[in-house]
Amino acid sequence: MRKSLTIATAVLLIAFVVWWAMPPRDSVPPGPGIPDNSIDQPGATRTPDIAKTEEDEDPEQLPMEEGQHHGVYPGDRAYVFQLSDLEGNTVKLSDYRDEVVLLCFWQTTCSWCLEELPLLDRLYTAYKDGDVTVLAINVAEERDSVRETIADNGYTFPVLFDDEADIAKKYMISYLPTNFIINRRGEISAVHIGLMEYEGMEDYIEAAFRE
């Protein structure tokens, strides 16, 4: 009898430990932590103006103010770049001088990116005649698969190819999607890491216009 009681107690104890260790049903599964979507900066510390190239000195950009430098933080001058679009045309960030730009780094294998793309297309359609553009920078994926994703969904916003992830490295991208809102002076107005809702996009755009 005592032996049966001991076994029953042990079974109950094991069951309690297993139950206590189980995560709640609606908890996030194990994996990389999701960063705060509204953080102001994507890195732990400010990085100096590294890997400066001739592109960073694009003469079509407005001259920088005293003490200003290229970087990835709000208030920094956005790194300029030139990349190929879906049709093989060269697109430069400075082509959109005097416009507010929403820059989105994404991949086709990123579920949150795929959720955000239709919202980007909606924003692009709504604002394309109002000094706002969307540039969706695909990071190091096969071009054909990217073209297929865009064509299958009928998206109309500009898509650029960062084949070697060189621009993603400059912008310190470590999580997708990552969105930069760049104001009409070529400065970073805001950084949003993770899926961005449509209302949030509009709020960022309006704030950039006020700067």
N, C-alpha and C. Protein backbone atom coordinates (compact mmCIF):
# COMPACT_ATOMS: atom_id res chain seq x y z
N MET A 1 0.83 -1.21 0.00
CA MET A 1 0.00 0.00 0.00
C MET A 1 0.86 1.26 0.00
N ARG A 2 1.85 1.23 0.91
CA ARG A 2 2.75 2.38 1.00
C ARG A 2 3.49 2.59 -0.31
N LYS A 3 3.90 1.46 -0.96
CA LYS A 3 4.62 1.55 -2.24
C LYS A 3 3.72 2.17 -3.32
N SER A 4 2.44 1.75 -3.35
CA SER A 4 1.50 2.30 -4.33
C SER A 4 1.30 3.79 -4.11
N LEU A 5 1.22 4.18 -2.84
CA LEU A 5 1.05 5.61 -2.52
C LEU A 5 2.26 6.41 -2.98
N THR A 6 3.44 5.85 -2.76
CA THR A 6 4.67 6.54 -3.18
C THR A 6 4.71 6.72 -4.69
N ILE A 7 4.33 5.66 -5.43
CA ILE A 7 4.32 5.73 -6.90
C ILE A 7 3.30 6.76 -7.38
N ALA A 8 2.11 6.74 -6.77
CA ALA A 8 1.06 7.69 -7.15
C ALA A 8 1.50 9.12 -6.89
N THR A 9 2.15 9.33 -5.75
CA THR A 9 2.64 10.68 -5.42
C THR A 9 3.69 11.14 -6.42
N ALA A 10 4.58 10.22 -6.80
CA ALA A 10 5.63 10.56 -7.76
C ALA A 10 5.03 10.91 -9.11
N VAL A 11 4.01 10.13 -9.54
CA VAL A 11 3.36 10.40 -10.83
C VAL A 11 2.69 11.76 -10.81
N LEU A 12 1.99 12.07 -9.72
CA LEU A 12 1.33 13.38 -9.60
C LEU A 12 2.35 14.51 -9.62
N LEU A 13 3.48 14.30 -8.93
CA LEU A 13 4.52 15.33 -8.89
C LEU A 13 5.10 15.57 -10.28
N ILE A 14 5.35 14.50 -11.04
CA ILE A 14 5.89 14.63 -12.40
C ILE A 14 4.88 15.35 -13.29
N ALA A 15 3.60 14.97 -13.15
CA ALA A 15 2.55 15.61 -13.96
C ALA A 15 2.47 17.10 -13.67
N PHE A 16 2.60 17.48 -12.39
CA PHE A 16 2.55 18.89 -12.02
C PHE A 16 3.73 19.66 -12.61
N VAL A 17 4.92 19.06 -12.54
CA VAL A 17 6.12 19.72 -13.08
C VAL A 17 5.98 19.92 -14.58
N VAL A 18 5.48 18.90 -15.30
CA VAL A 18 5.29 19.01 -16.75
C VAL A 18 4.28 20.09 -17.07
N TRP A 19 3.16 20.11 -16.33
CA TRP A 19 2.12 21.13 -16.55
C TRP A 19 2.66 22.54 -16.30
N TRP A 20 3.42 22.68 -15.22
CA TRP A 20 3.95 23.99 -14.85
C TRP A 20 4.94 24.51 -15.89
N ALA A 21 5.70 23.60 -16.51
CA ALA A 21 6.72 23.99 -17.48
C ALA A 21 6.14 24.30 -18.85
N MET A 22 4.90 23.85 -19.10
CA MET A 22 4.32 24.09 -20.42
C MET A 22 3.98 25.55 -20.60
N PRO A 23 4.30 26.15 -21.82
CA PRO A 23 3.95 27.54 -22.07
C PRO A 23 2.46 27.68 -22.26
N PRO A 24 1.89 28.86 -22.00
CA PRO A 24 0.48 29.10 -22.28
C PRO A 24 0.17 28.84 -23.75
N ARG A 25 -1.07 28.49 -24.04
CA ARG A 25 -1.45 28.12 -25.41
C ARG A 25 -1.19 29.25 -26.39
N ASP A 26 -1.37 30.50 -25.96
CA ASP A 26 -1.22 31.62 -26.88
C ASP A 26 0.15 32.26 -26.81
N SER A 27 1.12 31.58 -26.19
CA SER A 27 2.45 32.16 -26.07
C SER A 27 3.20 32.04 -27.39
N VAL A 28 4.27 32.85 -27.53
CA VAL A 28 5.09 32.82 -28.73
C VAL A 28 5.98 31.59 -28.69
N PRO A 29 6.06 30.80 -29.76
CA PRO A 29 6.90 29.60 -29.75
C PRO A 29 8.37 29.97 -29.61
N PRO A 30 9.20 29.01 -29.18
CA PRO A 30 10.62 29.31 -29.02
C PRO A 30 11.23 29.82 -30.30
N GLY A 31 12.16 30.73 -30.18
CA GLY A 31 12.81 31.28 -31.36
C GLY A 31 13.40 32.63 -31.03
N PRO A 32 13.97 33.31 -32.02
CA PRO A 32 14.55 34.63 -31.78
C PRO A 32 13.52 35.58 -31.22
N GLY A 33 13.92 36.38 -30.27
CA GLY A 33 13.00 37.35 -29.69
C GLY A 33 12.57 38.39 -30.70
N ILE A 34 11.33 38.83 -30.59
CA ILE A 34 10.81 39.86 -31.49
C ILE A 34 11.12 41.22 -30.90
N PRO A 35 11.84 42.06 -31.61
CA PRO A 35 12.21 43.36 -31.06
C PRO A 35 11.02 44.29 -30.98
N ASP A 36 11.14 45.32 -30.15
CA ASP A 36 10.12 46.35 -30.04
C ASP A 36 9.93 47.00 -31.41
N ASN A 37 8.70 46.99 -31.92
CA ASN A 37 8.44 47.50 -33.26
C ASN A 37 8.66 49.00 -33.38
N SER A 38 8.67 49.71 -32.27
CA SER A 38 8.74 51.17 -32.36
C SER A 38 10.07 51.73 -31.87
N ILE A 39 11.09 50.89 -31.78
CA ILE A 39 12.36 51.39 -31.29
C ILE A 39 12.94 52.42 -32.24
N ASP A 40 13.73 53.31 -31.71
CA ASP A 40 14.25 54.41 -32.50
C ASP A 40 15.52 54.04 -33.25
N GLN A 41 16.20 53.00 -32.81
CA GLN A 41 17.47 52.69 -33.46
C GLN A 41 17.66 51.19 -33.55
N PRO A 42 18.15 50.71 -34.69
CA PRO A 42 18.28 49.28 -34.89
C PRO A 42 19.54 48.65 -34.35
N GLY A 43 20.45 49.43 -33.80
CA GLY A 43 21.69 48.88 -33.26
C GLY A 43 21.85 49.27 -31.81
N ALA A 44 22.76 48.61 -31.10
CA ALA A 44 22.94 48.90 -29.69
C ALA A 44 23.71 50.19 -29.49
N THR A 45 24.60 50.51 -30.39
CA THR A 45 25.41 51.71 -30.26
C THR A 45 25.52 52.40 -31.61
N ARG A 46 25.75 53.69 -31.57
CA ARG A 46 25.94 54.43 -32.81
C ARG A 46 27.23 53.99 -33.47
N THR A 47 27.16 53.71 -34.76
CA THR A 47 28.37 53.31 -35.48
C THR A 47 28.91 54.51 -36.24
N PRO A 48 30.21 54.63 -36.34
CA PRO A 48 30.78 55.73 -37.12
C PRO A 48 30.45 55.58 -38.59
N ASP A 49 30.73 56.59 -39.36
CA ASP A 49 30.43 56.59 -40.80
C ASP A 49 31.43 55.68 -41.50
N ILE A 50 31.13 54.36 -41.50
CA ILE A 50 32.09 53.40 -42.03
C ILE A 50 31.80 53.09 -43.48
N ALA A 51 32.76 52.47 -44.12
CA ALA A 51 32.61 52.00 -45.50
C ALA A 51 32.08 53.10 -46.40
N LYS A 52 32.59 54.29 -46.23
CA LYS A 52 32.11 55.41 -47.04
C LYS A 52 32.58 55.24 -48.48
N THR A 53 31.67 55.44 -49.41
CA THR A 53 31.98 55.31 -50.82
C THR A 53 31.59 56.58 -51.54
N GLU A 54 31.89 56.61 -52.85
CA GLU A 54 31.49 57.77 -53.64
C GLU A 54 29.98 57.94 -53.63
N GLU A 55 29.25 56.83 -53.50
CA GLU A 55 27.79 56.92 -53.46
C GLU A 55 27.33 57.72 -52.26
N ASP A 56 28.06 57.62 -51.14
CA ASP A 56 27.67 58.36 -49.95
C ASP A 56 27.83 59.86 -50.14
N GLU A 57 28.53 60.27 -51.17
CA GLU A 57 28.74 61.68 -51.45
C GLU A 57 27.99 62.09 -52.71
N ASP A 58 26.84 61.49 -52.96
CA ASP A 58 26.04 61.78 -54.14
C ASP A 58 25.79 63.28 -54.25
N PRO A 59 26.27 63.93 -55.32
CA PRO A 59 26.11 65.38 -55.45
C PRO A 59 24.66 65.81 -55.60
N GLU A 60 23.77 64.87 -55.91
CA GLU A 60 22.37 65.22 -56.06
C GLU A 60 21.65 65.34 -54.73
N GLN A 61 22.31 64.95 -53.66
CA GLN A 61 21.73 65.11 -52.34
C GLN A 61 21.93 66.53 -51.84
N LEU A 62 21.08 66.93 -50.90
CA LEU A 62 21.28 68.21 -50.24
C LEU A 62 22.56 68.14 -49.41
N PRO A 63 23.31 69.25 -49.31
CA PRO A 63 24.51 69.23 -48.47
C PRO A 63 24.14 68.97 -47.02
N MET A 64 25.01 68.25 -46.32
CA MET A 64 24.72 67.92 -44.93
C MET A 64 24.99 69.12 -44.03
N GLU A 65 24.22 69.18 -42.94
CA GLU A 65 24.42 70.24 -41.96
C GLU A 65 25.65 69.93 -41.12
N GLU A 66 26.16 70.96 -40.45
CA GLU A 66 27.35 70.79 -39.62
C GLU A 66 27.09 69.74 -38.54
N GLY A 67 27.99 68.80 -38.42
CA GLY A 67 27.87 67.75 -37.41
C GLY A 67 27.02 66.57 -37.84
N GLN A 68 26.40 66.67 -39.00
CA GLN A 68 25.55 65.57 -39.47
C GLN A 68 26.40 64.54 -40.21
N HIS A 69 25.98 63.29 -40.18
CA HIS A 69 26.72 62.25 -40.88
C HIS A 69 25.74 61.17 -41.34
N HIS A 70 26.23 60.30 -42.23
CA HIS A 70 25.40 59.18 -42.66
C HIS A 70 25.29 58.17 -41.53
N GLY A 71 24.13 57.56 -41.41
CA GLY A 71 23.93 56.57 -40.36
C GLY A 71 22.57 55.91 -40.48
N VAL A 72 22.16 55.23 -39.42
CA VAL A 72 20.91 54.47 -39.45
C VAL A 72 19.97 54.88 -38.31
N TYR A 73 20.20 56.06 -37.76
CA TYR A 73 19.40 56.53 -36.65
C TYR A 73 18.57 57.75 -37.07
N PRO A 74 17.42 57.97 -36.43
CA PRO A 74 16.64 59.17 -36.74
C PRO A 74 17.51 60.42 -36.60
N GLY A 75 17.47 61.26 -37.61
CA GLY A 75 18.29 62.47 -37.65
C GLY A 75 19.54 62.31 -38.49
N ASP A 76 19.99 61.08 -38.71
CA ASP A 76 21.15 60.84 -39.56
C ASP A 76 20.76 61.00 -41.03
N ARG A 77 21.75 61.33 -41.86
CA ARG A 77 21.53 61.33 -43.30
C ARG A 77 21.50 59.87 -43.78
N ALA A 78 20.47 59.50 -44.51
CA ALA A 78 20.34 58.13 -45.00
C ALA A 78 21.45 57.81 -45.99
N TYR A 79 21.99 56.60 -45.89
CA TYR A 79 22.97 56.16 -46.88
C TYR A 79 22.33 56.13 -48.26
N VAL A 80 22.99 56.73 -49.22
CA VAL A 80 22.47 56.69 -50.59
C VAL A 80 22.90 55.38 -51.24
N PHE A 81 22.23 55.03 -52.31
CA PHE A 81 22.53 53.77 -52.99
C PHE A 81 22.00 53.84 -54.41
N GLN A 82 22.46 52.92 -55.23
CA GLN A 82 21.86 52.70 -56.54
C GLN A 82 21.74 51.20 -56.76
N LEU A 83 20.54 50.77 -57.10
CA LEU A 83 20.23 49.35 -57.26
C LEU A 83 19.37 49.16 -58.51
N SER A 84 19.32 47.94 -58.99
CA SER A 84 18.49 47.61 -60.16
C SER A 84 17.07 47.30 -59.71
N ASP A 85 16.10 47.73 -60.55
CA ASP A 85 14.71 47.40 -60.26
C ASP A 85 14.28 46.17 -61.06
N LEU A 86 13.00 45.87 -61.06
CA LEU A 86 12.49 44.66 -61.72
C LEU A 86 12.77 44.65 -63.21
N GLU A 87 12.81 45.85 -63.81
CA GLU A 87 13.03 45.95 -65.26
C GLU A 87 14.50 46.10 -65.62
N GLY A 88 15.37 46.11 -64.62
CA GLY A 88 16.79 46.26 -64.89
C GLY A 88 17.26 47.70 -64.92
N ASN A 89 16.38 48.64 -64.60
CA ASN A 89 16.76 50.05 -64.55
C ASN A 89 17.51 50.35 -63.26
N THR A 90 18.44 51.29 -63.33
CA THR A 90 19.17 51.72 -62.14
C THR A 90 18.36 52.78 -61.40
N VAL A 91 18.14 52.54 -60.13
CA VAL A 91 17.38 53.46 -59.29
C VAL A 91 18.28 53.94 -58.16
N LYS A 92 18.31 55.25 -57.95
CA LYS A 92 19.10 55.83 -56.87
C LYS A 92 18.16 56.46 -55.84
N LEU A 93 18.58 56.44 -54.58
CA LEU A 93 17.78 57.10 -53.55
C LEU A 93 17.61 58.57 -53.85
N SER A 94 18.66 59.18 -54.41
CA SER A 94 18.60 60.62 -54.71
C SER A 94 17.61 60.94 -55.82
N ASP A 95 17.12 59.92 -56.54
CA ASP A 95 16.07 60.16 -57.54
C ASP A 95 14.80 60.67 -56.87
N TYR A 96 14.68 60.42 -55.57
CA TYR A 96 13.47 60.79 -54.84
C TYR A 96 13.71 61.94 -53.88
N ARG A 97 14.71 62.74 -54.21
CA ARG A 97 14.96 63.95 -53.43
C ARG A 97 13.69 64.79 -53.42
N ASP A 98 13.39 65.42 -52.29
CA ASP A 98 12.19 66.23 -52.09
C ASP A 98 10.93 65.39 -51.94
N GLU A 99 11.08 64.08 -51.79
CA GLU A 99 9.94 63.21 -51.50
C GLU A 99 10.19 62.49 -50.17
N VAL A 100 9.11 62.06 -49.53
CA VAL A 100 9.22 61.18 -48.38
C VAL A 100 9.30 59.75 -48.91
N VAL A 101 10.26 58.99 -48.42
CA VAL A 101 10.49 57.62 -48.91
C VAL A 101 10.30 56.63 -47.77
N LEU A 102 9.51 55.60 -48.03
CA LEU A 102 9.42 54.47 -47.10
C LEU A 102 10.28 53.36 -47.70
N LEU A 103 11.34 53.05 -46.99
CA LEU A 103 12.31 52.05 -47.44
C LEU A 103 12.05 50.77 -46.65
N CYS A 104 11.72 49.68 -47.34
CA CYS A 104 11.43 48.42 -46.66
C CYS A 104 12.40 47.34 -47.12
N PHE A 105 13.15 46.75 -46.19
CA PHE A 105 14.02 45.61 -46.49
C PHE A 105 13.22 44.34 -46.21
N TRP A 106 13.21 43.42 -47.19
CA TRP A 106 12.33 42.25 -47.07
C TRP A 106 12.87 41.06 -47.84
N GLN A 107 12.25 39.89 -47.60
CA GLN A 107 12.52 38.67 -48.36
C GLN A 107 11.22 37.89 -48.55
N THR A 108 11.19 37.05 -49.57
CA THR A 108 9.98 36.27 -49.85
C THR A 108 9.75 35.17 -48.82
N THR A 109 10.79 34.78 -48.10
CA THR A 109 10.66 33.72 -47.10
C THR A 109 10.28 34.25 -45.72
N CYS A 110 10.07 35.53 -45.62
CA CYS A 110 9.73 36.20 -44.35
C CYS A 110 8.21 36.38 -44.29
N SER A 111 7.55 35.69 -43.36
CA SER A 111 6.08 35.74 -43.30
C SER A 111 5.57 37.13 -42.98
N TRP A 112 6.25 37.85 -42.08
CA TRP A 112 5.81 39.21 -41.76
C TRP A 112 6.00 40.14 -42.95
N CYS A 113 7.06 39.89 -43.72
CA CYS A 113 7.26 40.69 -44.94
C CYS A 113 6.08 40.51 -45.89
N LEU A 114 5.67 39.26 -46.07
CA LEU A 114 4.58 38.97 -47.00
C LEU A 114 3.27 39.58 -46.51
N GLU A 115 3.11 39.71 -45.20
CA GLU A 115 1.92 40.39 -44.66
C GLU A 115 1.99 41.89 -44.90
N GLU A 116 3.20 42.43 -44.90
CA GLU A 116 3.35 43.88 -45.04
C GLU A 116 3.27 44.34 -46.49
N LEU A 117 3.66 43.49 -47.45
CA LEU A 117 3.71 43.91 -48.85
C LEU A 117 2.39 44.47 -49.37
N PRO A 118 1.22 43.84 -49.11
CA PRO A 118 -0.02 44.44 -49.60
C PRO A 118 -0.31 45.80 -48.97
N LEU A 119 0.15 46.02 -47.75
CA LEU A 119 -0.03 47.32 -47.11
C LEU A 119 0.87 48.37 -47.77
N LEU A 120 2.08 47.96 -48.12
CA LEU A 120 2.98 48.86 -48.85
C LEU A 120 2.38 49.25 -50.20
N ASP A 121 1.76 48.27 -50.85
CA ASP A 121 1.16 48.55 -52.16
C ASP A 121 -0.02 49.51 -52.02
N ARG A 122 -0.79 49.31 -50.98
CA ARG A 122 -1.92 50.22 -50.71
C ARG A 122 -1.42 51.63 -50.45
N LEU A 123 -0.35 51.75 -49.66
CA LEU A 123 0.21 53.06 -49.36
C LEU A 123 0.76 53.71 -50.63
N TYR A 124 1.48 52.92 -51.42
CA TYR A 124 2.07 53.45 -52.66
C TYR A 124 0.99 53.97 -53.59
N THR A 125 -0.09 53.22 -53.74
CA THR A 125 -1.19 53.63 -54.61
C THR A 125 -1.86 54.90 -54.10
N ALA A 126 -2.01 54.99 -52.79
CA ALA A 126 -2.71 56.14 -52.20
C ALA A 126 -1.88 57.42 -52.25
N TYR A 127 -0.55 57.29 -52.17
CA TYR A 127 0.30 58.48 -52.01
C TYR A 127 1.22 58.76 -53.19
N LYS A 128 1.21 57.93 -54.21
CA LYS A 128 2.24 58.07 -55.25
C LYS A 128 2.17 59.41 -55.99
N ASP A 129 1.04 60.08 -55.96
CA ASP A 129 0.94 61.40 -56.58
C ASP A 129 1.09 62.52 -55.56
N GLY A 130 1.52 62.17 -54.36
CA GLY A 130 1.62 63.17 -53.30
C GLY A 130 2.98 63.26 -52.67
N ASP A 131 4.04 63.15 -53.46
CA ASP A 131 5.41 63.29 -52.97
C ASP A 131 5.79 62.23 -51.95
N VAL A 132 5.27 61.03 -52.12
CA VAL A 132 5.64 59.89 -51.27
C VAL A 132 5.92 58.70 -52.17
N THR A 133 6.96 57.94 -51.86
CA THR A 133 7.19 56.70 -52.61
C THR A 133 7.58 55.58 -51.67
N VAL A 134 7.42 54.37 -52.15
CA VAL A 134 7.82 53.16 -51.43
C VAL A 134 8.91 52.48 -52.25
N LEU A 135 10.01 52.12 -51.59
CA LEU A 135 11.07 51.35 -52.23
C LEU A 135 11.24 50.07 -51.43
N ALA A 136 10.88 48.94 -52.03
CA ALA A 136 10.98 47.65 -51.36
C ALA A 136 12.28 46.98 -51.79
N ILE A 137 13.25 46.93 -50.88
CA ILE A 137 14.57 46.38 -51.20
C ILE A 137 14.63 44.91 -50.81
N ASN A 138 14.69 44.05 -51.82
CA ASN A 138 14.81 42.63 -51.55
C ASN A 138 16.26 42.28 -51.24
N VAL A 139 16.45 41.51 -50.18
CA VAL A 139 17.80 41.23 -49.69
C VAL A 139 18.26 39.85 -50.14
N ALA A 140 19.16 39.83 -51.13
CA ALA A 140 19.95 38.65 -51.50
C ALA A 140 19.12 37.41 -51.83
N GLU A 141 18.08 37.57 -52.62
CA GLU A 141 17.31 36.41 -53.08
C GLU A 141 17.39 36.31 -54.60
N GLU A 142 17.04 35.14 -55.12
CA GLU A 142 17.00 34.94 -56.56
C GLU A 142 15.98 35.90 -57.19
N ARG A 143 16.40 36.59 -58.22
CA ARG A 143 15.52 37.60 -58.81
C ARG A 143 14.23 37.01 -59.36
N ASP A 144 14.31 35.83 -59.95
CA ASP A 144 13.12 35.23 -60.55
C ASP A 144 12.05 34.95 -59.50
N SER A 145 12.45 34.48 -58.32
CA SER A 145 11.46 34.20 -57.28
C SER A 145 10.83 35.49 -56.77
N VAL A 146 11.62 36.56 -56.73
CA VAL A 146 11.09 37.86 -56.31
C VAL A 146 10.09 38.36 -57.35
N ARG A 147 10.46 38.28 -58.61
CA ARG A 147 9.56 38.72 -59.69
C ARG A 147 8.24 37.94 -59.64
N GLU A 148 8.35 36.64 -59.36
CA GLU A 148 7.15 35.80 -59.31
C GLU A 148 6.22 36.25 -58.18
N THR A 149 6.79 36.54 -57.02
CA THR A 149 5.98 36.99 -55.88
C THR A 149 5.27 38.30 -56.21
N ILE A 150 6.00 39.23 -56.81
CA ILE A 150 5.42 40.53 -57.14
C ILE A 150 4.34 40.39 -58.21
N ALA A 151 4.62 39.60 -59.25
CA ALA A 151 3.66 39.43 -60.35
C ALA A 151 2.41 38.70 -59.88
N ASP A 152 2.57 37.66 -59.08
CA ASP A 152 1.42 36.87 -58.63
C ASP A 152 0.45 37.70 -57.80
N ASN A 153 0.97 38.71 -57.12
CA ASN A 153 0.13 39.53 -56.26
C ASN A 153 -0.25 40.87 -56.88
N GLY A 154 0.31 41.16 -58.05
CA GLY A 154 -0.04 42.40 -58.75
C GLY A 154 0.44 43.66 -58.06
N TYR A 155 1.54 43.57 -57.31
CA TYR A 155 2.05 44.75 -56.62
C TYR A 155 2.64 45.73 -57.63
N THR A 156 2.50 47.02 -57.32
CA THR A 156 2.94 48.05 -58.26
C THR A 156 4.07 48.93 -57.73
N PHE A 157 4.43 48.79 -56.46
CA PHE A 157 5.49 49.64 -55.91
C PHE A 157 6.85 49.21 -56.47
N PRO A 158 7.82 50.12 -56.49
CA PRO A 158 9.16 49.78 -56.99
C PRO A 158 9.85 48.73 -56.11
N VAL A 159 10.42 47.74 -56.74
CA VAL A 159 11.17 46.70 -56.04
C VAL A 159 12.61 46.75 -56.53
N LEU A 160 13.55 46.78 -55.58
CA LEU A 160 14.97 46.88 -55.91
C LEU A 160 15.69 45.63 -55.40
N PHE A 161 16.76 45.27 -56.10
CA PHE A 161 17.52 44.06 -55.77
C PHE A 161 18.84 44.42 -55.09
N ASP A 162 18.97 44.02 -53.82
CA ASP A 162 20.23 44.15 -53.09
C ASP A 162 20.89 42.77 -53.11
N ASP A 163 21.44 42.40 -54.28
CA ASP A 163 21.88 41.03 -54.53
C ASP A 163 22.89 40.50 -53.53
N GLU A 164 23.84 41.34 -53.13
CA GLU A 164 24.89 40.90 -52.21
C GLU A 164 24.66 41.39 -50.79
N ALA A 165 23.49 41.95 -50.53
CA ALA A 165 23.13 42.49 -49.21
C ALA A 165 24.06 43.62 -48.77
N ASP A 166 24.69 44.30 -49.73
CA ASP A 166 25.60 45.39 -49.38
C ASP A 166 24.86 46.56 -48.72
N ILE A 167 23.69 46.88 -49.25
CA ILE A 167 22.92 48.00 -48.69
C ILE A 167 22.32 47.59 -47.35
N ALA A 168 21.88 46.35 -47.25
CA ALA A 168 21.34 45.86 -45.98
C ALA A 168 22.40 45.94 -44.88
N LYS A 169 23.65 45.65 -45.24
CA LYS A 169 24.74 45.74 -44.26
C LYS A 169 24.96 47.18 -43.84
N LYS A 170 24.92 48.10 -44.81
CA LYS A 170 25.10 49.52 -44.46
C LYS A 170 24.02 50.00 -43.50
N TYR A 171 22.81 49.51 -43.73
CA TYR A 171 21.68 49.92 -42.90
C TYR A 171 21.53 49.04 -41.66
N MET A 172 22.53 48.18 -41.41
CA MET A 172 22.59 47.35 -40.20
C MET A 172 21.33 46.49 -40.04
N ILE A 173 20.88 45.89 -41.14
CA ILE A 173 19.67 45.08 -41.08
C ILE A 173 19.98 43.72 -40.45
N SER A 174 19.28 43.39 -39.38
CA SER A 174 19.43 42.08 -38.74
C SER A 174 18.09 41.40 -38.54
N TYR A 175 17.02 42.05 -38.95
CA TYR A 175 15.68 41.52 -38.75
C TYR A 175 14.80 42.01 -39.89
N LEU A 176 13.91 41.14 -40.38
CA LEU A 176 13.03 41.50 -41.48
C LEU A 176 11.57 41.34 -41.08
N PRO A 177 10.71 42.25 -41.55
CA PRO A 177 11.06 43.44 -42.33
C PRO A 177 11.60 44.54 -41.43
N THR A 178 12.45 45.38 -41.99
CA THR A 178 12.88 46.62 -41.33
C THR A 178 12.54 47.77 -42.25
N ASN A 179 11.89 48.78 -41.69
CA ASN A 179 11.40 49.93 -42.47
C ASN A 179 12.07 51.22 -42.01
N PHE A 180 12.53 52.00 -42.97
CA PHE A 180 13.07 53.33 -42.70
C PHE A 180 12.17 54.35 -43.38
N ILE A 181 11.81 55.39 -42.66
CA ILE A 181 11.08 56.50 -43.26
C ILE A 181 12.08 57.64 -43.40
N ILE A 182 12.25 58.11 -44.63
CA ILE A 182 13.26 59.13 -44.95
C ILE A 182 12.53 60.40 -45.37
N ASN A 183 12.87 61.52 -44.73
CA ASN A 183 12.15 62.76 -45.04
C ASN A 183 12.69 63.42 -46.30
N ARG A 184 12.13 64.57 -46.63
CA ARG A 184 12.45 65.23 -47.90
C ARG A 184 13.85 65.82 -47.93
N ARG A 185 14.51 65.87 -46.79
CA ARG A 185 15.90 66.34 -46.74
C ARG A 185 16.89 65.17 -46.82
N GLY A 186 16.38 63.97 -46.99
CA GLY A 186 17.25 62.80 -47.06
C GLY A 186 17.68 62.28 -45.71
N GLU A 187 16.98 62.70 -44.65
CA GLU A 187 17.31 62.27 -43.30
C GLU A 187 16.37 61.16 -42.86
N ILE A 188 16.87 60.30 -42.00
CA ILE A 188 16.02 59.24 -41.45
C ILE A 188 15.09 59.87 -40.43
N SER A 189 13.80 59.73 -40.68
CA SER A 189 12.79 60.27 -39.78
C SER A 189 12.40 59.26 -38.71
N ALA A 190 12.32 57.99 -39.10
CA ALA A 190 11.92 56.95 -38.14
C ALA A 190 12.40 55.59 -38.63
N VAL A 191 12.52 54.66 -37.69
CA VAL A 191 12.88 53.28 -38.00
C VAL A 191 11.83 52.38 -37.35
N HIS A 192 11.31 51.44 -38.11
CA HIS A 192 10.31 50.51 -37.56
C HIS A 192 10.75 49.09 -37.90
N ILE A 193 11.03 48.30 -36.88
CA ILE A 193 11.48 46.93 -37.07
C ILE A 193 10.31 45.98 -36.82
N GLY A 194 10.05 45.12 -37.79
CA GLY A 194 8.93 44.20 -37.67
C GLY A 194 7.76 44.65 -38.53
N LEU A 195 6.68 43.88 -38.51
CA LEU A 195 5.49 44.17 -39.30
C LEU A 195 4.91 45.53 -38.91
N MET A 196 4.62 46.35 -39.91
CA MET A 196 4.07 47.68 -39.68
C MET A 196 2.63 47.73 -40.19
N GLU A 197 1.72 48.19 -39.34
CA GLU A 197 0.33 48.33 -39.75
C GLU A 197 0.16 49.56 -40.63
N TYR A 198 -0.91 49.55 -41.42
CA TYR A 198 -1.12 50.64 -42.39
C TYR A 198 -1.25 51.99 -41.69
N GLU A 199 -2.00 52.03 -40.59
CA GLU A 199 -2.17 53.31 -39.88
C GLU A 199 -0.83 53.84 -39.38
N GLY A 200 0.04 52.92 -38.97
CA GLY A 200 1.37 53.34 -38.53
C GLY A 200 2.18 53.93 -39.66
N MET A 201 2.05 53.34 -40.85
CA MET A 201 2.74 53.88 -42.02
C MET A 201 2.31 55.33 -42.27
N GLU A 202 1.00 55.56 -42.23
CA GLU A 202 0.48 56.91 -42.48
C GLU A 202 0.97 57.88 -41.41
N ASP A 203 1.01 57.44 -40.17
CA ASP A 203 1.49 58.31 -39.09
C ASP A 203 2.95 58.70 -39.31
N TYR A 204 3.78 57.73 -39.69
CA TYR A 204 5.19 58.02 -39.95
C TYR A 204 5.35 58.98 -41.14
N ILE A 205 4.57 58.77 -42.18
CA ILE A 205 4.64 59.63 -43.37
C ILE A 205 4.27 61.07 -43.00
N GLU A 206 3.18 61.22 -42.28
CA GLU A 206 2.74 62.57 -41.89
C GLU A 206 3.77 63.25 -41.00
N ALA A 207 4.37 62.49 -40.09
CA ALA A 207 5.41 63.06 -39.22
C ALA A 207 6.61 63.50 -40.04
N ALA A 208 6.99 62.72 -41.04
CA ALA A 208 8.14 63.08 -41.89
C ALA A 208 7.86 64.35 -42.68
N PHE A 209 6.63 64.55 -43.11
CA PHE A 209 6.28 65.77 -43.84
C PHE A 209 6.39 67.00 -42.95
N ARG A 210 6.21 66.83 -41.66
CA ARG A 210 6.27 67.97 -40.74
C ARG A 210 7.70 68.36 -40.39
N GLU A 211 8.66 67.54 -40.75
CA GLU A 211 10.06 67.82 -40.38
C GLU A 211 10.70 68.79 -41.36
